Every structure is written in structure tokens, then in C-alpha cells.
Amino acid sequence: INVARVQLLQQTPAKALPLLQRALAIQEKASGLMGLELAPVLDLLGEAARSEYPGDTEMYWKRSLAVRESNHGPAGLEVTETLDRLGQFYFEAKSLDKAAATLERALYILSLIHI
């Protein structure tokens, strides 16, 4: 995963993608399909896919959201990080209705937690 992070920092996501896909497969075998350890790998996969494969970015980040919801509950603070990431992605993609709904959900969760 660290080598893939370096590739992302060097702005070479195409080199990071296969490394992250391999890391995801290994992590799935180790922790199951909904293991919390998958979320950071899915987040990085979404970031790596962002420029070339935006549909994959959404898929990876939605799966990261599902993993975090499964482990922390639908109103867990950890869920808001992924909601924010998805909301920004939708905003940049001009999917304003999706962006608004996603970001409003994140704000609602934060209001429940009083942050």
C-alpha cells in the first residue's frame, strides 16, 4: 500500500492501481469482504482511478462507505469521511443532486455527534 501511495503522490495513478488491486485481494482474503481494513485500500483505489476511471472511483468509494457503515453504523463519525469524499466527487462531476444529498447526510451525522 505504501508503494501505491508514493505512486499517487508522484501523480502516476496507473502504476498505483494494480498494486492497490492486489492489496485489496489480499486484504479481502485476510479480513473478509466487509472487514474494516478494506476501507483505506478502497479509498486509495478510488483516488487512483479518479482521472481515468471515474465510474470505478464511485464504485470503490461506495464500497468503502458500505464497509464503514457495516462496521461503525450508518451514523458513525467514520462514515462522514467517505460521504465527504463522495460528495466532493459528485460536485466535481456536476452531479449536484447527488452531491447535495451526500454532503447533507454527512452534515446530519455530524450534527448528531455535535461536532
Protein backbone atom coordinates (compact mmCIF):
# COMPACT_ATOMS: atom_id res chain seq x y z
CA ILE A 1 0.00 0.00 0.00
CA ASN A 2 2.84 2.41 0.81
CA VAL A 3 4.38 2.00 -2.64
CA ALA A 4 0.97 2.78 -4.16
CA ARG A 5 0.72 5.92 -2.01
CA VAL A 6 4.08 7.04 -3.37
CA GLN A 7 2.83 6.44 -6.90
CA LEU A 8 -0.22 8.59 -6.17
CA LEU A 9 1.96 11.35 -4.73
CA GLN A 10 4.11 11.18 -7.85
CA GLN A 11 0.92 11.51 -9.89
CA THR A 12 1.27 8.12 -11.54
CA PRO A 13 -2.08 6.52 -10.64
CA ALA A 14 -1.82 3.95 -13.44
CA LYS A 15 1.13 2.41 -11.58
CA ALA A 16 -0.72 2.53 -8.27
CA LEU A 17 -3.90 0.78 -9.48
CA PRO A 18 -2.51 -2.76 -9.91
CA LEU A 19 -0.67 -2.54 -6.59
CA LEU A 20 -3.83 -1.46 -4.81
CA GLN A 21 -5.95 -4.09 -6.55
CA ARG A 22 -3.52 -6.74 -5.34
CA ALA A 23 -3.58 -5.28 -1.82
CA LEU A 24 -7.39 -5.36 -1.89
CA ALA A 25 -7.45 -9.03 -2.90
CA ILE A 26 -5.02 -9.90 -0.11
CA GLN A 27 -6.97 -7.90 2.44
CA GLU A 28 -10.28 -9.47 1.36
CA LYS A 29 -8.83 -12.93 1.95
CA ALA A 30 -7.48 -11.87 5.35
CA SER A 31 -10.45 -9.94 6.73
CA GLY A 32 -13.47 -10.85 4.59
CA LEU A 33 -15.48 -8.74 2.18
CA MET A 34 -16.64 -6.25 4.81
CA GLY A 35 -13.56 -6.06 7.02
CA LEU A 36 -12.79 -2.55 8.20
CA GLU A 37 -9.21 -2.92 6.94
CA LEU A 38 -10.58 -2.74 3.38
CA ALA A 39 -11.79 0.86 3.68
CA PRO A 40 -8.39 2.61 3.38
CA VAL A 41 -7.46 0.41 0.40
CA LEU A 42 -10.78 1.17 -1.29
CA ASP A 43 -10.26 4.89 -0.63
CA LEU A 44 -6.86 4.77 -2.31
CA LEU A 45 -8.23 2.73 -5.21
CA GLY A 46 -10.90 5.36 -5.76
CA GLU A 47 -8.30 8.09 -5.76
CA ALA A 48 -6.07 6.17 -8.18
CA ALA A 49 -8.98 5.54 -10.56
CA ARG A 50 -10.29 9.11 -10.38
CA SER A 51 -8.71 10.58 -13.51
CA GLU A 52 -9.03 7.62 -15.87
CA TYR A 53 -11.95 5.62 -14.49
CA PRO A 54 -14.41 7.88 -12.65
CA GLY A 55 -17.08 5.16 -12.63
CA ASP A 56 -14.67 2.94 -10.75
CA THR A 57 -13.94 5.77 -8.33
CA GLU A 58 -17.60 5.94 -7.39
CA MET A 59 -17.77 2.15 -7.07
CA TYR A 60 -14.72 1.97 -4.80
CA TRP A 61 -15.89 4.83 -2.60
CA LYS A 62 -19.43 3.46 -2.32
CA ARG A 63 -17.97 0.15 -1.24
CA SER A 64 -15.76 1.95 1.28
CA LEU A 65 -18.89 3.64 2.58
CA ALA A 66 -20.67 0.28 2.90
CA VAL A 67 -17.71 -1.18 4.79
CA ARG A 68 -17.60 1.75 7.20
CA GLU A 69 -21.40 1.66 7.70
CA SER A 70 -21.22 -2.06 8.38
CA ASN A 71 -18.52 -1.61 10.99
CA HIS A 72 -19.45 1.73 12.58
CA GLY A 73 -23.19 2.02 11.87
CA PRO A 74 -24.86 4.35 9.38
CA ALA A 75 -24.39 7.36 11.65
CA GLY A 76 -20.80 6.71 12.71
CA LEU A 77 -18.32 9.55 12.57
CA GLU A 78 -16.04 7.45 10.36
CA VAL A 79 -18.81 7.33 7.74
CA THR A 80 -18.68 11.10 7.26
CA GLU A 81 -15.16 11.00 5.81
CA THR A 82 -16.32 8.80 2.94
CA LEU A 83 -19.52 10.78 2.49
CA ASP A 84 -17.46 13.96 2.18
CA ARG A 85 -15.17 12.31 -0.38
CA LEU A 86 -18.16 11.08 -2.41
CA GLY A 87 -19.92 14.43 -2.16
CA GLN A 88 -16.88 16.29 -3.49
CA PHE A 89 -16.56 13.74 -6.28
CA TYR A 90 -20.20 14.22 -7.28
CA PHE A 91 -19.81 18.01 -7.14
CA GLU A 92 -16.78 17.90 -9.43
CA ALA A 93 -18.69 15.59 -11.79
CA LYS A 94 -21.55 18.13 -11.87
CA SER A 95 -23.94 15.62 -10.25
CA LEU A 96 -25.24 18.33 -7.99
CA ASP A 97 -28.28 16.48 -6.64
CA LYS A 98 -26.12 13.54 -5.58
CA ALA A 99 -23.51 15.91 -4.14
CA ALA A 100 -26.10 17.80 -2.11
CA ALA A 101 -27.76 14.66 -0.74
CA THR A 102 -24.43 13.06 0.15
CA LEU A 103 -22.99 16.14 1.83
CA GLU A 104 -26.25 16.84 3.67
CA ARG A 105 -26.13 13.33 5.09
CA ALA A 106 -22.58 13.92 6.31
CA LEU A 107 -23.65 17.18 7.97
CA TYR A 108 -26.63 15.46 9.58
CA ILE A 109 -24.38 12.79 11.09
CA LEU A 110 -22.01 15.46 12.37
CA SER A 111 -24.94 17.33 13.94
CA LEU A 112 -25.94 14.15 15.78
CA ILE A 113 -22.42 13.85 17.16
CA HIS A 114 -22.27 17.59 17.96
CA ILE A 115 -19.02 18.34 16.17
